[in-house]
N, C-alpha and C. Protein backbone atom coordinates (compact mmCIF):
# COMPACT_ATOMS: atom_id res chain seq x y z
N UNK A 1 126.07 -138.11 -92.94
CA UNK A 1 124.50 -137.77 -92.01
C UNK A 1 125.02 -137.11 -90.58
N UNK A 2 124.06 -135.94 -90.88
CA UNK A 2 124.87 -136.00 -89.84
C UNK A 2 123.70 -135.21 -88.62
N UNK A 3 123.87 -134.87 -87.81
CA UNK A 3 122.29 -135.16 -86.14
C UNK A 3 122.25 -133.75 -86.61
N UNK A 4 120.75 -133.78 -86.01
CA UNK A 4 119.99 -132.81 -86.16
C UNK A 4 119.92 -131.86 -84.80
N UNK A 5 120.92 -130.44 -84.88
CA UNK A 5 120.79 -129.90 -83.92
C UNK A 5 119.73 -129.41 -83.18
N UNK A 6 120.24 -129.48 -81.63
CA UNK A 6 119.10 -128.86 -80.96
C UNK A 6 119.27 -128.03 -80.01
N UNK A 7 117.70 -126.70 -79.57
CA UNK A 7 118.07 -125.99 -79.21
C UNK A 7 118.82 -125.98 -77.50
N UNK A 8 119.34 -125.22 -77.13
CA UNK A 8 120.00 -125.36 -75.20
C UNK A 8 118.76 -124.94 -74.43
N UNK A 9 118.33 -125.90 -73.52
CA UNK A 9 117.45 -126.45 -72.77
C UNK A 9 117.39 -123.87 -72.86
N UNK A 10 116.36 -123.98 -71.82
CA UNK A 10 116.24 -122.44 -71.12
C UNK A 10 116.09 -122.72 -70.00
N UNK A 11 116.59 -121.83 -69.03
CA UNK A 11 116.52 -122.89 -67.53
C UNK A 11 116.21 -121.67 -67.06
N UNK A 12 115.15 -121.93 -66.34
CA UNK A 12 114.08 -120.82 -65.28
C UNK A 12 115.18 -119.71 -64.51
N UNK A 13 114.96 -117.85 -64.98
CA UNK A 13 115.90 -117.01 -64.34
C UNK A 13 114.41 -116.80 -62.61
N UNK A 14 115.11 -117.10 -61.30
CA UNK A 14 114.69 -117.03 -60.38
C UNK A 14 114.27 -116.09 -59.81
N UNK A 15 112.27 -116.11 -59.79
CA UNK A 15 111.80 -114.94 -58.95
C UNK A 15 112.83 -114.21 -58.51
N UNK A 16 113.11 -112.31 -58.80
CA UNK A 16 113.29 -111.61 -57.92
C UNK A 16 115.02 -111.60 -58.20
N UNK A 17 115.39 -112.04 -59.17
CA UNK A 17 116.81 -112.35 -60.06
C UNK A 17 117.12 -111.40 -60.27
N UNK A 18 118.26 -110.54 -60.75
CA UNK A 18 119.26 -109.29 -60.28
C UNK A 18 119.30 -109.26 -61.76
N UNK A 19 119.17 -108.19 -62.76
CA UNK A 19 119.59 -108.15 -64.32
C UNK A 19 120.31 -108.17 -64.38
N UNK A 20 121.50 -108.06 -65.74
CA UNK A 20 123.21 -108.07 -65.37
C UNK A 20 123.06 -106.59 -65.95
N UNK A 21 123.98 -105.82 -65.89
CA UNK A 21 123.77 -104.71 -66.41
C UNK A 21 124.88 -104.47 -67.79
N UNK A 22 124.59 -104.02 -68.82
CA UNK A 22 125.94 -103.85 -69.47
C UNK A 22 127.05 -102.41 -68.82
N UNK A 23 128.15 -102.91 -69.30
CA UNK A 23 129.02 -102.45 -69.33
C UNK A 23 129.52 -101.93 -67.81
N UNK A 24 129.60 -103.37 -66.48
CA UNK A 24 129.10 -103.17 -65.55
C UNK A 24 131.03 -103.38 -64.99
N UNK A 25 132.01 -103.12 -64.15
CA UNK A 25 132.36 -104.10 -64.67
C UNK A 25 132.18 -104.54 -62.93
N UNK A 26 133.74 -105.39 -61.98
CA UNK A 26 133.20 -106.27 -61.91
C UNK A 26 133.07 -104.79 -60.04
N UNK A 27 134.46 -104.50 -60.41
CA UNK A 27 134.51 -103.14 -59.17
C UNK A 27 133.77 -101.81 -58.89
N UNK A 28 133.18 -101.97 -59.94
CA UNK A 28 131.43 -100.95 -59.70
C UNK A 28 130.77 -101.32 -58.29
N UNK A 29 130.47 -102.89 -58.66
CA UNK A 29 129.26 -102.87 -56.11
C UNK A 29 130.12 -102.88 -55.82
N UNK A 30 131.85 -102.86 -55.80
CA UNK A 30 132.05 -102.35 -54.39
C UNK A 30 132.31 -101.35 -54.06
N UNK A 31 131.67 -100.71 -53.14
CA UNK A 31 131.95 -100.11 -51.86
C UNK A 31 133.19 -99.90 -51.44
N UNK A 32 134.11 -98.67 -51.46
CA UNK A 32 135.15 -98.83 -51.11
C UNK A 32 135.72 -98.24 -49.58
N UNK A 33 136.30 -99.97 -49.30
CA UNK A 33 136.54 -100.29 -47.75
C UNK A 33 137.71 -99.43 -47.13
N UNK A 34 137.41 -99.08 -46.40
CA UNK A 34 137.86 -98.50 -45.13
C UNK A 34 137.56 -98.48 -43.94
N UNK A 35 139.23 -98.57 -43.87
CA UNK A 35 140.21 -100.29 -42.94
C UNK A 35 141.18 -99.34 -42.09
N UNK A 36 141.31 -99.98 -40.18
CA UNK A 36 141.57 -98.30 -39.73
C UNK A 36 142.67 -99.40 -39.54
N UNK A 37 143.42 -97.82 -38.80
CA UNK A 37 145.95 -98.63 -39.62
C UNK A 37 145.83 -97.77 -38.65
N UNK A 38 145.87 -98.89 -37.10
CA UNK A 38 146.22 -98.56 -35.74
C UNK A 38 148.20 -98.37 -36.31
N UNK A 39 148.78 -96.95 -35.44
CA UNK A 39 149.89 -96.62 -36.15
C UNK A 39 150.84 -96.04 -34.42
N UNK A 40 151.72 -96.59 -33.57
CA UNK A 40 152.08 -95.77 -32.33
C UNK A 40 151.29 -95.62 -31.85
N UNK A 41 149.17 -96.61 -31.79
CA UNK A 41 148.49 -96.36 -30.80
C UNK A 41 147.31 -94.94 -31.32
N UNK A 42 147.63 -94.54 -32.86
CA UNK A 42 147.01 -94.17 -33.02
C UNK A 42 146.01 -94.64 -34.72
N UNK A 43 145.09 -94.48 -34.00
CA UNK A 43 143.69 -95.18 -34.87
C UNK A 43 143.06 -94.13 -36.41
N UNK A 44 143.72 -94.51 -37.58
CA UNK A 44 143.96 -93.67 -39.06
C UNK A 44 143.03 -94.41 -39.95
N UNK A 45 141.69 -93.89 -40.18
CA UNK A 45 140.24 -94.41 -41.17
C UNK A 45 141.36 -94.13 -42.76
N UNK A 46 140.88 -95.66 -43.39
CA UNK A 46 141.78 -94.65 -44.69
C UNK A 46 141.07 -96.38 -45.55
N UNK A 47 140.90 -95.11 -47.01
CA UNK A 47 139.77 -95.97 -47.53
C UNK A 47 141.76 -96.69 -48.78
N UNK A 48 141.31 -97.88 -48.87
CA UNK A 48 142.47 -98.69 -48.63
C UNK A 48 142.47 -98.76 -50.57
N UNK A 49 141.06 -98.15 -51.36
CA UNK A 49 141.51 -98.48 -53.11
C UNK A 49 142.61 -96.67 -52.96
N UNK A 50 142.96 -95.82 -52.51
CA UNK A 50 143.92 -95.63 -52.15
C UNK A 50 145.36 -95.64 -53.03
N UNK A 51 145.71 -96.58 -52.29
CA UNK A 51 146.91 -96.91 -52.70
C UNK A 51 147.23 -97.96 -54.27
N UNK A 52 145.70 -98.05 -54.78
CA UNK A 52 145.51 -98.51 -56.39
C UNK A 52 145.38 -96.50 -57.28
N UNK A 53 145.13 -95.52 -56.47
CA UNK A 53 145.14 -94.82 -57.22
C UNK A 53 146.04 -93.98 -57.91
N UNK A 54 145.68 -92.98 -59.17
CA UNK A 54 147.54 -93.42 -60.11
C UNK A 54 147.82 -92.04 -59.49
N UNK A 55 147.11 -90.96 -58.77
CA UNK A 55 147.25 -89.98 -58.70
C UNK A 55 147.81 -89.87 -57.34
N UNK A 56 148.14 -90.27 -56.38
CA UNK A 56 148.86 -91.20 -54.81
C UNK A 56 150.05 -91.61 -55.28
N UNK A 57 149.52 -92.24 -56.85
CA UNK A 57 151.23 -93.08 -56.87
C UNK A 57 152.14 -92.35 -57.18
N UNK A 58 151.44 -91.41 -58.29
CA UNK A 58 151.64 -90.14 -58.89
C UNK A 58 152.63 -88.93 -57.33
N UNK A 59 152.14 -88.76 -57.01
CA UNK A 59 152.45 -88.26 -55.61
C UNK A 59 153.70 -89.03 -55.45
N UNK A 60 153.45 -90.19 -54.36
CA UNK A 60 154.59 -91.10 -53.68
C UNK A 60 155.78 -90.56 -55.35
N UNK A 61 155.39 -91.14 -56.16
CA UNK A 61 157.17 -91.49 -57.18
C UNK A 61 157.81 -89.39 -57.36
N UNK A 62 157.30 -89.09 -56.80
CA UNK A 62 156.93 -87.26 -57.37
C UNK A 62 157.99 -86.76 -55.84
N UNK A 63 158.27 -87.55 -54.91
CA UNK A 63 158.41 -87.34 -53.67
C UNK A 63 157.07 -86.10 -52.77
N UNK A 64 156.59 -85.98 -53.86
CA UNK A 64 155.33 -85.74 -52.37
C UNK A 64 154.03 -86.07 -51.86
N UNK A 65 155.00 -85.87 -50.99
CA UNK A 65 154.60 -87.07 -49.76
C UNK A 65 153.30 -86.36 -47.96
N UNK A 66 153.68 -84.81 -48.77
CA UNK A 66 153.26 -84.42 -47.57
C UNK A 66 151.45 -84.21 -48.69
N UNK A 67 151.06 -84.04 -49.97
CA UNK A 67 150.30 -84.44 -50.74
C UNK A 67 149.21 -85.67 -50.87
N UNK A 68 150.62 -87.01 -50.95
CA UNK A 68 149.73 -88.77 -51.10
C UNK A 68 149.50 -88.35 -49.57
N UNK A 69 150.53 -87.79 -48.68
CA UNK A 69 149.89 -88.12 -47.29
C UNK A 69 148.22 -88.43 -47.29
N UNK A 70 147.96 -86.07 -47.39
CA UNK A 70 147.21 -85.12 -47.33
C UNK A 70 145.12 -86.20 -48.31
N UNK A 71 146.19 -87.06 -49.03
CA UNK A 71 145.32 -87.17 -50.69
C UNK A 71 145.48 -88.66 -49.56
N UNK A 72 145.66 -89.74 -49.18
CA UNK A 72 145.83 -90.24 -48.49
C UNK A 72 144.66 -90.14 -46.87
N UNK A 73 144.40 -89.57 -46.18
CA UNK A 73 144.04 -89.44 -45.11
C UNK A 73 143.42 -88.70 -45.05
N UNK A 74 143.31 -87.56 -45.66
CA UNK A 74 142.12 -86.28 -45.54
C UNK A 74 142.43 -85.54 -44.71
N UNK A 75 141.83 -84.27 -45.33
CA UNK A 75 142.83 -83.11 -43.98
C UNK A 75 143.29 -82.95 -42.81
N UNK A 76 141.93 -84.06 -42.14
CA UNK A 76 141.41 -83.07 -40.00
C UNK A 76 142.74 -84.73 -39.65
N UNK A 77 142.09 -85.87 -40.75
CA UNK A 77 143.57 -87.08 -39.88
C UNK A 77 145.05 -86.87 -40.12
N UNK A 78 145.35 -85.86 -41.26
CA UNK A 78 146.81 -85.17 -41.73
C UNK A 78 147.54 -84.88 -40.76
N UNK A 79 146.23 -84.24 -40.22
CA UNK A 79 147.13 -82.59 -38.99
C UNK A 79 146.84 -83.71 -37.58
N UNK A 80 146.78 -84.45 -37.11
CA UNK A 80 146.93 -85.22 -36.20
C UNK A 80 147.85 -86.30 -36.53
N UNK A 81 148.35 -86.93 -37.57
CA UNK A 81 149.07 -87.36 -37.96
C UNK A 81 149.94 -86.29 -37.41
N UNK A 82 150.35 -85.44 -38.08
CA UNK A 82 151.40 -84.65 -38.11
C UNK A 82 151.82 -84.52 -36.32
N UNK A 83 150.34 -83.55 -35.34
CA UNK A 83 150.90 -83.96 -34.46
C UNK A 83 151.12 -85.37 -33.89
N UNK A 84 151.11 -86.55 -34.32
CA UNK A 84 151.38 -87.23 -33.18
C UNK A 84 152.88 -87.40 -33.06
N UNK A 85 153.43 -87.59 -34.92
CA UNK A 85 154.74 -87.82 -34.96
C UNK A 85 156.08 -86.32 -34.56
N UNK A 86 155.13 -84.62 -34.45
CA UNK A 86 156.04 -83.77 -34.12
C UNK A 86 157.51 -84.24 -33.09
N UNK A 87 158.20 -83.80 -33.16
CA UNK A 87 159.20 -84.09 -32.44
C UNK A 87 159.02 -82.77 -31.22
N UNK A 88 160.26 -82.44 -30.75
CA UNK A 88 160.30 -81.40 -29.52
C UNK A 88 160.80 -80.65 -30.00
N UNK A 89 161.12 -80.14 -31.35
CA UNK A 89 161.61 -79.21 -31.15
C UNK A 89 160.66 -79.17 -33.13
N UNK A 90 159.37 -79.37 -32.73
CA UNK A 90 158.89 -78.95 -33.70
C UNK A 90 157.94 -79.44 -34.63
N UNK A 91 159.69 -79.83 -35.54
CA UNK A 91 159.89 -80.76 -36.70
C UNK A 91 158.91 -82.02 -36.46
N UNK A 92 158.62 -82.47 -38.26
CA UNK A 92 158.11 -83.94 -38.21
C UNK A 92 159.39 -84.41 -39.07
N UNK A 93 159.73 -85.91 -38.82
CA UNK A 93 160.83 -86.66 -39.77
C UNK A 93 160.44 -87.06 -40.82
N UNK A 94 160.84 -87.14 -41.52
CA UNK A 94 160.65 -87.06 -43.27
C UNK A 94 160.99 -88.48 -42.84
N UNK A 95 162.10 -89.32 -42.38
CA UNK A 95 162.41 -90.22 -42.00
C UNK A 95 161.06 -90.87 -40.75
N UNK A 96 160.15 -90.74 -39.90
CA UNK A 96 159.26 -91.06 -39.81
C UNK A 96 158.19 -91.13 -40.33
N UNK A 97 157.56 -89.51 -40.94
CA UNK A 97 156.27 -89.82 -42.63
C UNK A 97 157.00 -91.08 -43.04
N UNK A 98 158.17 -91.09 -43.98
CA UNK A 98 158.87 -92.10 -44.64
C UNK A 98 157.49 -93.86 -44.41
N UNK A 99 158.60 -94.47 -43.19
CA UNK A 99 158.13 -95.06 -42.70
C UNK A 99 155.46 -95.04 -41.86
N UNK A 100 155.41 -94.35 -41.80
CA UNK A 100 153.95 -94.53 -41.87
C UNK A 100 153.91 -95.01 -43.36
N UNK A 101 154.28 -94.38 -43.74
CA UNK A 101 153.61 -94.76 -45.04
C UNK A 101 154.07 -96.10 -45.69
N UNK A 102 154.78 -96.31 -45.65
CA UNK A 102 155.46 -97.42 -45.96
C UNK A 102 154.98 -98.77 -45.39
N UNK A 103 154.55 -98.46 -44.01
CA UNK A 103 153.96 -99.90 -42.73
C UNK A 103 152.23 -99.27 -43.18
N UNK A 104 151.87 -98.43 -43.86
CA UNK A 104 150.13 -98.24 -44.22
C UNK A 104 149.80 -98.89 -45.62
N UNK A 105 151.69 -99.25 -47.04
CA UNK A 105 150.87 -100.02 -47.60
C UNK A 105 151.46 -101.40 -47.57
N UNK A 106 151.64 -102.11 -46.19
CA UNK A 106 151.86 -103.05 -46.14
C UNK A 106 150.58 -103.60 -45.65
N UNK A 107 149.93 -103.09 -45.32
CA UNK A 107 148.37 -102.60 -43.82
C UNK A 107 148.27 -103.05 -44.62
N UNK A 108 147.87 -102.27 -45.90
CA UNK A 108 146.83 -102.26 -46.63
C UNK A 108 147.32 -103.51 -47.91
N UNK A 109 148.81 -103.59 -48.29
CA UNK A 109 148.46 -104.76 -49.27
C UNK A 109 148.27 -106.05 -49.07
N UNK A 110 148.24 -106.63 -47.01
CA UNK A 110 148.17 -108.00 -47.12
C UNK A 110 146.45 -107.81 -45.99
N UNK A 111 146.07 -107.08 -47.15
CA UNK A 111 144.13 -107.67 -46.68
C UNK A 111 143.28 -107.97 -45.08
N UNK A 112 144.22 -107.70 -44.37
CA UNK A 112 143.97 -107.75 -43.27
C UNK A 112 142.55 -107.07 -42.73
């Protein structure tokens, strides 16, 4: 003999509850996070989603550091960065640029 099947109890939905949206990922509800990265005394506002952007990663892999920095910082902050690190001879060291990128990636990855 089998037990009679009963329908699951329906619970009342609270008034004003948000209705689920089909095909919506968790990331759809999250606004981009802009964080302040202070590097050598200068604040840079950077969207931390940039390090999760395939085009940004491709630029880094292709050693297109200037393009990657411009994409990450925006044109205005990119100019600020170059002015900040420009050496007496007027050049911007690739080593300094690489250090900036590495330190930012560490900063953005640790969730501060």
